[in-house]
């Protein structure tokens, strides 16, 4: 029997971490599937013509998505930058070499206010990086068709539509309407689907370019999978000879992404979801019995086929608030990272998709231990020390690579 490889994290002096954030790349994303690991390792010691490799990628991506063409980018953020750049330059190499100088080009990108999300940085920066200007439509909770139509003009290069749990769920222009308004005025639509499972639907319903993360639900190497109409795909890919040179995808990323994409079509998704559901049910039973904890299993808000566990924390009954629970989990050994996007409302979310062997039990035991040691005098709402937590994280960034 082959001995397991030693954990490289230990050799580097990096703490192993239990990732309950799901696909968030700040905590490593989804564990790579065996096919991706094998493909990336296989190609790393071999020479290859990258143009030829990316042409093969185009064929594989087209089969998987129904698109005319595709390529592998360094990540989804890079894919958005390249798509926006391609919409401005077309396949004109002189223009490609000139970016971010957009003189003489259409350089505006329309986007709804509720879609201007931050996933580590603002998506508006992905628009600005190649030299484009975001034109924001409506308000966070109300964007209207007439506002989009009025915002499109002779300088509009593209519309960017974002599908994400980070987006405002209220009052936004639906995809079909967004596409119709843009296409009537000859404006292509780019769709950010980084963490979304739907590889075909948006292209089938009018998207000109879509971008998925390889290293999120697919379990591939860190990369972005760009698919769409061939002229726009070509224009986006050619940015590798311009502003995308600093964000190029290496051969191992391309091979690992393609292997994961092909493996995705052969996996038993129902069995995997059932396995995750069993973990969630066990957590709900065990954690829901703890004082001050209400545990519910919630479906993914954008309709992807998986569920998460939501823990609502009553600070009076539990002896600590949701944020304090998050912080205690982060401070433990090993650290446990949970989804804390809305912790100020008194809850946290646990995503089981990146769990390793034996980690589900560690998580349940740790939360039980934290609750057992918590005081019983009540510590107020989570928002009471939210700003100090954020300040700590900002300070850690300013100190990096040093620490206290």
Protein backbone atom coordinates (compact mmCIF):
# COMPACT_ATOMS: atom_id res chain seq x y z
CA UNK A 1 0.00 0.00 0.00
CA UNK A 2 1.29 3.46 -0.90
CA UNK A 3 2.06 5.60 2.12
CA UNK A 4 0.20 8.93 2.19
CA UNK A 5 2.35 11.93 1.40
CA UNK A 6 3.37 14.04 4.40
CA UNK A 7 1.24 17.13 4.91
CA UNK A 8 3.11 19.96 3.19
CA UNK A 9 1.42 22.45 5.51
CA UNK A 10 3.36 21.03 8.47
CA UNK A 11 6.66 21.25 6.60
CA UNK A 12 5.97 24.90 5.77
CA UNK A 13 4.96 25.73 9.32
CA UNK A 14 1.38 26.50 8.27
CA UNK A 15 -1.49 25.40 10.50
CA UNK A 16 -3.93 22.87 9.03
CA UNK A 17 -7.38 24.47 8.79
CA UNK A 18 -10.87 23.00 8.68
CA UNK A 19 -12.70 24.85 5.92
CA UNK A 20 -16.45 25.29 6.44
CA UNK A 21 -16.64 28.26 4.09
CA UNK A 22 -17.16 25.99 1.08
CA UNK A 23 -15.56 27.40 -2.04
CA UNK A 24 -14.01 30.59 -0.65
CA UNK A 25 -10.47 30.78 -1.99
CA UNK A 26 -9.24 32.65 1.09
CA UNK A 27 -9.47 29.29 2.86
CA UNK A 28 -8.27 27.08 0.02
CA UNK A 29 -11.49 26.48 -1.91
CA UNK A 30 -12.81 23.00 -2.59
CA UNK A 31 -10.37 20.11 -2.28
CA UNK A 32 -9.13 19.15 -5.74
CA UNK A 33 -10.50 15.97 -7.28
CA UNK A 34 -8.05 13.10 -8.02
CA UNK A 35 -8.35 13.64 -11.77
CA UNK A 36 -7.25 17.27 -11.48
CA UNK A 37 -4.33 16.43 -9.21
CA UNK A 38 -3.11 13.70 -11.57
CA UNK A 39 -3.44 15.85 -14.70
CA UNK A 40 -1.67 18.85 -13.18
CA UNK A 41 1.18 16.70 -11.86
CA UNK A 42 1.48 14.85 -15.17
CA UNK A 43 1.92 17.93 -17.35
CA UNK A 44 4.26 19.83 -15.02
CA UNK A 45 7.33 17.89 -16.16
CA UNK A 46 6.40 17.98 -19.85
CA UNK A 47 6.76 20.58 -22.59
CA UNK A 48 3.70 21.81 -24.45
CA UNK A 49 2.72 24.54 -26.93
CA UNK A 50 0.34 26.62 -24.82
CA UNK A 51 -1.61 27.90 -27.83
CA UNK A 52 -2.24 24.29 -28.83
CA UNK A 53 -3.10 23.36 -25.25
CA UNK A 54 -5.61 26.21 -25.04
CA UNK A 55 -7.11 25.20 -28.40
CA UNK A 56 -7.69 21.74 -26.92
CA UNK A 57 -9.20 23.47 -23.90
CA UNK A 58 -11.57 25.34 -26.20
CA UNK A 59 -12.89 22.09 -27.64
CA UNK A 60 -13.37 20.47 -24.23
CA UNK A 61 -15.04 23.57 -22.78
CA UNK A 62 -17.33 23.82 -25.80
CA UNK A 63 -18.48 20.22 -25.31
CA UNK A 64 -19.10 20.72 -21.60
CA UNK A 65 -20.94 24.04 -21.87
CA UNK A 66 -22.54 24.14 -25.30
CA UNK A 67 -20.47 27.23 -26.14
CA UNK A 68 -18.79 27.94 -29.46
CA UNK A 69 -15.36 28.20 -27.82
CA UNK A 70 -13.56 28.68 -24.53
CA UNK A 71 -10.23 28.95 -22.75
CA UNK A 72 -8.73 28.63 -19.29
CA UNK A 73 -7.85 31.84 -17.44
CA UNK A 74 -5.85 32.22 -14.23
CA UNK A 75 -9.06 32.59 -12.19
CA UNK A 76 -12.59 33.96 -12.53
CA UNK A 77 -11.47 37.49 -11.71
CA UNK A 78 -8.92 37.29 -14.53
CA UNK A 79 -11.64 35.94 -16.82
CA UNK A 80 -13.83 38.97 -16.11
CA UNK A 81 -10.95 41.37 -16.79
CA UNK A 82 -10.15 39.59 -20.04
CA UNK A 83 -13.79 39.45 -21.13
CA UNK A 84 -14.24 43.17 -20.51
CA UNK A 85 -10.99 43.91 -22.35
CA UNK A 86 -12.05 41.73 -25.28
CA UNK A 87 -15.36 43.55 -25.54
CA UNK A 88 -13.42 46.81 -25.92
CA UNK A 89 -10.64 45.71 -28.28
CA UNK A 90 -12.08 42.86 -30.33
CA UNK A 91 -9.20 40.96 -31.95
CA UNK A 92 -7.31 44.14 -32.88
CA UNK A 93 -3.78 43.46 -31.61
CA UNK A 94 -2.85 47.14 -31.71
CA UNK A 95 -5.72 47.96 -29.38
CA UNK A 96 -4.89 44.97 -27.18
CA UNK A 97 -1.32 46.24 -26.79
CA UNK A 98 -2.59 49.72 -25.94
CA UNK A 99 -4.81 48.88 -22.96
CA UNK A 100 -5.50 50.28 -20.41
CA UNK A 101 -5.49 53.29 -22.75
CA UNK A 102 -8.99 53.01 -24.26
CA UNK A 103 -8.85 56.06 -26.52
CA UNK A 104 -11.15 55.49 -29.48
CA UNK A 105 -12.77 52.39 -27.96
CA UNK A 106 -16.11 51.73 -26.32
CA UNK A 107 -15.10 51.58 -22.68
CA UNK A 108 -18.20 51.55 -20.46
CA UNK A 109 -19.63 48.46 -18.76
CA UNK A 110 -23.16 48.54 -17.36
CA UNK A 111 -23.80 46.66 -14.12
CA UNK A 112 -26.66 46.69 -11.63
CA UNK A 113 -25.96 48.24 -8.22
CA UNK A 114 -27.02 45.03 -6.49
CA UNK A 115 -24.38 43.14 -8.48
CA UNK A 116 -21.42 45.31 -7.43
CA UNK A 117 -20.19 42.76 -4.91
CA UNK A 118 -16.98 42.30 -2.98
CA UNK A 119 -15.51 38.80 -3.02
CA UNK A 120 -12.04 39.75 -1.78
CA UNK A 121 -12.09 42.96 -3.76
CA UNK A 122 -14.85 44.83 -5.57
CA UNK A 123 -15.95 43.39 -8.89
CA UNK A 124 -15.90 47.00 -10.11
CA UNK A 125 -12.11 46.76 -9.97
CA UNK A 126 -12.23 43.86 -12.45
CA UNK A 127 -13.95 46.28 -14.81
CA UNK A 128 -11.50 49.11 -14.17
CA UNK A 129 -8.29 47.07 -14.44
CA UNK A 130 -8.31 46.85 -18.26
CA UNK A 131 -9.28 50.53 -18.50
CA UNK A 132 -13.08 50.32 -18.63
CA UNK A 133 -15.48 52.40 -16.57
CA UNK A 134 -18.33 50.77 -14.62
CA UNK A 135 -21.72 52.42 -15.15
CA UNK A 136 -23.85 51.42 -12.17
CA UNK A 137 -27.58 50.97 -12.74
CA UNK A 138 -30.24 51.67 -10.12
CA UNK A 139 -29.88 51.09 -6.39
CA UNK A 140 -28.88 48.13 -4.26
CA UNK A 141 -32.51 47.08 -3.80
CA UNK A 142 -34.07 48.47 -6.97
CA UNK A 143 -32.82 48.43 -10.56
CA UNK A 144 -35.26 48.98 -13.42
CA UNK A 145 -35.31 48.16 -17.11
CA UNK A 146 -35.64 51.77 -18.21
CA UNK A 147 -32.52 52.66 -16.21
CA UNK A 148 -30.51 50.01 -18.03
CA UNK A 149 -31.82 51.06 -21.44
CA UNK A 150 -31.01 54.70 -20.72
CA UNK A 151 -27.50 53.87 -19.49
CA UNK A 152 -26.51 52.10 -22.71
CA UNK A 153 -24.99 54.45 -25.25
CA UNK A 154 -22.30 54.77 -27.91
CA UNK A 155 -19.56 54.14 -25.32
CA UNK A 156 -21.04 50.92 -23.91
CA UNK A 157 -18.74 47.95 -24.49
CA UNK A 158 -20.54 45.28 -22.44
CA UNK A 159 -23.04 44.46 -19.74
CA UNK A 160 -21.85 42.47 -16.71
CA UNK A 161 -24.37 40.24 -14.93
CA UNK A 162 -23.38 38.58 -11.65
CA UNK A 163 -24.88 35.40 -10.20
CA UNK A 164 -23.80 35.03 -6.57
CA UNK A 165 -25.16 34.71 -3.06
CA UNK A 166 -23.35 38.00 -2.42
CA UNK A 167 -25.74 39.86 -4.75
CA UNK A 168 -28.75 41.75 -3.53
CA UNK A 169 -31.72 39.44 -3.80
CA UNK A 170 -34.22 42.24 -4.16
CA UNK A 171 -35.40 44.35 -7.04
CA UNK A 172 -32.76 43.50 -9.66
CA UNK A 173 -33.38 43.20 -13.39
CA UNK A 174 -33.70 39.48 -14.22
CA UNK A 175 -31.21 37.88 -16.57
CA UNK A 176 -33.59 37.42 -19.52
CA UNK A 177 -34.58 41.09 -19.44
CA UNK A 178 -30.98 42.24 -18.98
CA UNK A 179 -29.88 40.24 -22.03
CA UNK A 180 -32.78 41.42 -24.15
CA UNK A 181 -32.14 45.11 -23.44
CA UNK A 182 -28.40 44.79 -24.04
CA UNK A 183 -28.75 42.77 -27.24
CA UNK A 184 -31.31 45.13 -28.76
CA UNK A 185 -28.60 47.80 -28.59
CA UNK A 186 -25.81 45.50 -29.78
CA UNK A 187 -24.14 45.13 -26.39
CA UNK A 188 -22.67 41.73 -25.39
CA UNK A 189 -23.43 40.29 -21.95
CA UNK A 190 -20.71 38.80 -19.74
CA UNK A 191 -21.92 36.62 -16.84
CA UNK A 192 -19.90 35.98 -13.69
CA UNK A 193 -20.84 32.48 -12.51
CA UNK A 194 -17.74 31.80 -10.42
CA UNK A 195 -19.28 29.44 -7.86
CA UNK A 196 -22.39 28.43 -9.81
CA UNK A 197 -23.02 24.87 -10.99
CA UNK A 198 -24.95 25.77 -14.17
CA UNK A 199 -22.46 25.31 -16.99
CA UNK A 200 -24.96 25.58 -19.85
CA UNK A 201 -28.11 27.49 -18.94
CA UNK A 202 -26.92 31.08 -19.19
CA UNK A 203 -25.19 30.48 -22.51
CA UNK A 204 -28.31 28.77 -23.84
CA UNK A 205 -30.38 31.80 -22.83
CA UNK A 206 -28.26 34.49 -24.43
CA UNK A 207 -25.04 35.08 -22.50
CA UNK A 208 -22.18 36.01 -24.81
CA UNK A 209 -19.47 35.03 -22.32
CA UNK A 210 -19.58 33.10 -19.04
CA UNK A 211 -16.90 32.63 -16.41
CA UNK A 212 -16.77 29.78 -13.86
CA UNK A 213 -14.13 28.97 -11.27
CA UNK A 214 -12.38 25.65 -11.79
CA UNK A 215 -11.29 25.51 -8.15
CA UNK A 216 -14.75 25.98 -6.65
CA UNK A 217 -17.49 23.41 -7.26
CA UNK A 218 -15.56 21.54 -9.97
CA UNK A 219 -12.65 20.70 -7.67
CA UNK A 220 -10.04 21.61 -10.27
CA UNK A 221 -6.77 23.50 -10.27
CA UNK A 222 -6.94 27.23 -9.53
CA UNK A 223 -8.27 28.66 -12.80
CA UNK A 224 -11.21 30.31 -14.52
CA UNK A 225 -13.19 28.61 -17.26
CA UNK A 226 -14.27 31.10 -19.91
CA UNK A 227 -16.88 30.05 -22.49
CA UNK A 228 -19.03 31.78 -25.08
CA UNK A 229 -19.31 33.08 -28.62
CA UNK A 230 -16.13 32.43 -30.56
CA UNK A 231 -15.34 36.05 -31.58
CA UNK A 232 -15.60 37.31 -28.00
CA UNK A 233 -13.75 34.29 -26.59
CA UNK A 234 -10.94 34.89 -29.10
CA UNK A 235 -10.79 38.60 -28.25
CA UNK A 236 -10.67 37.79 -24.53
CA UNK A 237 -7.98 35.13 -24.97
CA UNK A 238 -5.79 37.46 -27.02
CA UNK A 239 -5.48 39.70 -23.97
CA UNK A 240 -2.73 37.26 -22.95
CA UNK A 241 -0.60 39.35 -25.31
CA UNK A 242 -1.59 42.53 -23.47
CA UNK A 243 -2.99 43.34 -20.04
CA UNK A 244 -3.58 39.66 -19.16
CA UNK A 245 0.09 38.73 -19.37
CA UNK A 246 0.51 39.20 -15.57
CA UNK A 247 -2.47 36.86 -14.99
CA UNK A 248 -1.60 34.02 -17.37
CA UNK A 249 -2.74 30.47 -16.66
CA UNK A 250 0.07 27.94 -16.44
CA UNK A 251 -0.03 24.55 -18.16
CA UNK A 252 -0.78 22.79 -14.86
CA UNK A 253 -3.78 25.05 -14.25
CA UNK A 254 -5.12 24.36 -17.74
CA UNK A 255 -4.67 20.60 -17.45
CA UNK A 256 -6.08 20.47 -13.93
CA UNK A 257 -9.11 22.57 -14.84
CA UNK A 258 -9.91 20.49 -17.90
CA UNK A 259 -9.57 17.20 -16.02
CA UNK A 260 -12.00 18.44 -13.37
CA UNK A 261 -14.43 19.70 -16.00
CA UNK A 262 -14.47 16.33 -17.76
CA UNK A 263 -14.74 14.41 -14.47
CA UNK A 264 -17.68 16.58 -13.42
CA UNK A 265 -19.85 14.97 -16.06
CA UNK A 266 -19.19 11.47 -14.70
CA UNK A 267 -19.63 12.03 -10.95
CA UNK A 268 -22.52 10.66 -8.89
CA UNK A 269 -23.82 14.03 -7.74
CA UNK A 270 -26.86 12.56 -5.99
CA UNK A 271 -24.67 10.31 -3.85
CA UNK A 272 -22.36 13.19 -2.96
CA UNK A 273 -25.27 15.40 -1.95
CA UNK A 274 -26.72 12.60 0.16
CA UNK A 275 -23.40 12.16 1.93
CA UNK A 276 -23.24 15.87 2.73
CA UNK A 277 -26.87 15.80 3.85
CA UNK A 278 -26.06 13.08 6.38
CA UNK A 279 -23.30 15.25 7.84
CA UNK A 280 -25.69 18.21 8.06
CA UNK A 281 -28.41 16.12 9.72
CA UNK A 282 -25.93 14.89 12.33
CA UNK A 283 -24.75 18.44 13.00
CA UNK A 284 -28.32 19.69 13.25
CA UNK A 285 -29.20 17.01 15.78
CA UNK A 286 -26.09 17.50 17.93
CA UNK A 287 -25.65 21.25 17.72
CA UNK A 288 -29.35 22.06 17.86
CA UNK A 289 -29.46 20.41 21.29
CA UNK A 290 -26.93 22.88 22.70
CA UNK A 291 -28.25 25.79 24.82
CA UNK A 292 -28.95 28.93 22.82
CA UNK A 293 -28.38 27.30 19.43
CA UNK A 294 -31.01 26.95 16.71
CA UNK A 295 -29.73 24.77 13.86
CA UNK A 296 -31.45 24.66 10.47
CA UNK A 297 -30.50 23.16 7.13
CA UNK A 298 -30.86 25.76 4.39
CA UNK A 299 -30.70 25.29 0.60
CA UNK A 300 -28.17 27.25 -1.42
CA UNK A 301 -29.65 30.74 -2.10
CA UNK A 302 -28.85 30.70 -5.83
CA UNK A 303 -30.31 27.24 -6.39
CA UNK A 304 -27.17 25.10 -6.56
CA UNK A 305 -27.76 21.47 -5.54
CA UNK A 306 -26.37 21.47 -2.00
CA UNK A 307 -27.32 22.64 1.48
CA UNK A 308 -25.64 24.34 4.43
CA UNK A 309 -26.22 24.44 8.18
CA UNK A 310 -27.23 27.76 9.71
CA UNK A 311 -26.55 28.27 13.42
CA UNK A 312 -28.51 31.07 15.09
CA UNK A 313 -27.04 32.00 18.45
CA UNK A 314 -29.06 33.40 21.35
CA UNK A 315 -26.38 35.20 23.41
CA UNK A 316 -28.40 35.06 26.62
CA UNK A 317 -28.93 31.31 26.47
CA UNK A 318 -25.61 30.40 24.86
CA UNK A 319 -23.42 32.66 26.98
CA UNK A 320 -21.73 34.13 23.93
CA UNK A 321 -22.85 35.68 20.68
CA UNK A 322 -22.42 34.47 17.09
CA UNK A 323 -19.31 36.54 16.45
CA UNK A 324 -17.65 35.31 19.63
CA UNK A 325 -18.35 31.74 18.54
CA UNK A 326 -16.77 32.48 15.15
CA UNK A 327 -13.69 33.92 16.84
CA UNK A 328 -13.31 30.98 19.21
CA UNK A 329 -13.46 28.57 16.28
CA UNK A 330 -10.82 30.61 14.43
CA UNK A 331 -8.51 30.58 17.46
CA UNK A 332 -8.63 26.83 18.02
CA UNK A 333 -6.20 24.13 16.97
CA UNK A 334 -6.89 23.39 14.21
CA UNK A 335 -8.62 26.66 13.28
CA UNK A 336 -12.15 26.22 11.94
CA UNK A 337 -13.29 28.78 9.34
CA UNK A 338 -17.05 29.26 8.90
CA UNK A 339 -19.14 31.54 6.70
CA UNK A 340 -19.56 34.71 8.75
CA UNK A 341 -20.86 37.13 6.10
CA UNK A 342 -23.94 37.99 8.19
CA UNK A 343 -22.66 37.33 11.68
CA UNK A 344 -23.90 40.75 12.82
CA UNK A 345 -27.43 39.35 12.50
CA UNK A 346 -26.68 36.63 15.03
CA UNK A 347 -25.90 33.63 12.87
CA UNK A 348 -23.12 31.77 11.11
CA UNK A 349 -23.24 29.20 8.32
CA UNK A 350 -21.36 25.90 7.92
CA UNK A 351 -20.70 24.51 4.44
CA UNK A 352 -19.65 20.82 4.37
CA UNK A 353 -18.28 20.64 0.81
CA UNK A 354 -14.60 20.92 1.76
CA UNK A 355 -14.61 18.62 4.79
CA UNK A 356 -11.79 16.12 5.10
CA UNK A 357 -11.97 12.70 6.70
CA UNK A 358 -12.90 12.90 10.38
CA UNK A 359 -13.34 16.68 10.35
CA UNK A 360 -17.13 16.70 10.77
CA UNK A 361 -16.73 15.08 14.19
CA UNK A 362 -13.99 17.53 15.19
CA UNK A 363 -16.28 20.45 14.27
CA UNK A 364 -19.21 19.20 16.34
CA UNK A 365 -16.99 18.43 19.32
CA UNK A 366 -15.29 21.83 19.16
CA UNK A 367 -18.54 23.79 19.05
CA UNK A 368 -19.86 21.75 21.96
CA UNK A 369 -16.70 22.48 23.95
CA UNK A 370 -16.85 26.22 23.22
CA UNK A 371 -20.48 26.40 24.32
CA UNK A 372 -19.77 24.37 27.46
CA UNK A 373 -17.06 26.82 28.55
CA UNK A 374 -18.99 30.00 27.67
CA UNK A 375 -20.22 32.27 30.44
CA UNK A 376 -23.90 32.40 31.22
CA UNK A 377 -24.30 36.14 31.82
CA UNK A 378 -25.02 37.12 28.20
CA UNK A 379 -22.64 39.14 26.08
CA UNK A 380 -24.92 41.18 23.87
CA UNK A 381 -25.51 41.09 20.13
CA UNK A 382 -22.75 40.08 17.74
CA UNK A 383 -22.50 43.59 16.35
CA UNK A 384 -21.20 44.80 19.73
CA UNK A 385 -17.65 43.76 18.86
CA UNK A 386 -17.93 43.40 15.10
CA UNK A 387 -15.85 46.50 14.45
CA UNK A 388 -13.03 45.35 16.72
CA UNK A 389 -12.97 42.01 14.86
CA UNK A 390 -12.78 43.80 11.52
CA UNK A 391 -10.08 46.09 12.89
CA UNK A 392 -8.05 43.07 13.98
CA UNK A 393 -8.25 41.58 10.50
CA UNK A 394 -7.29 44.89 8.88
CA UNK A 395 -4.33 45.21 11.26
CA UNK A 396 -3.18 41.68 10.40
CA UNK A 397 -3.17 42.64 6.72
CA UNK A 398 -1.09 45.73 7.39
CA UNK A 399 1.40 43.67 9.41
CA UNK A 400 1.71 40.87 6.86
CA UNK A 401 3.98 38.90 6.52
CA UNK A 402 4.72 39.57 10.18
CA UNK A 403 2.36 38.94 13.06
CA UNK A 404 2.08 40.06 16.65
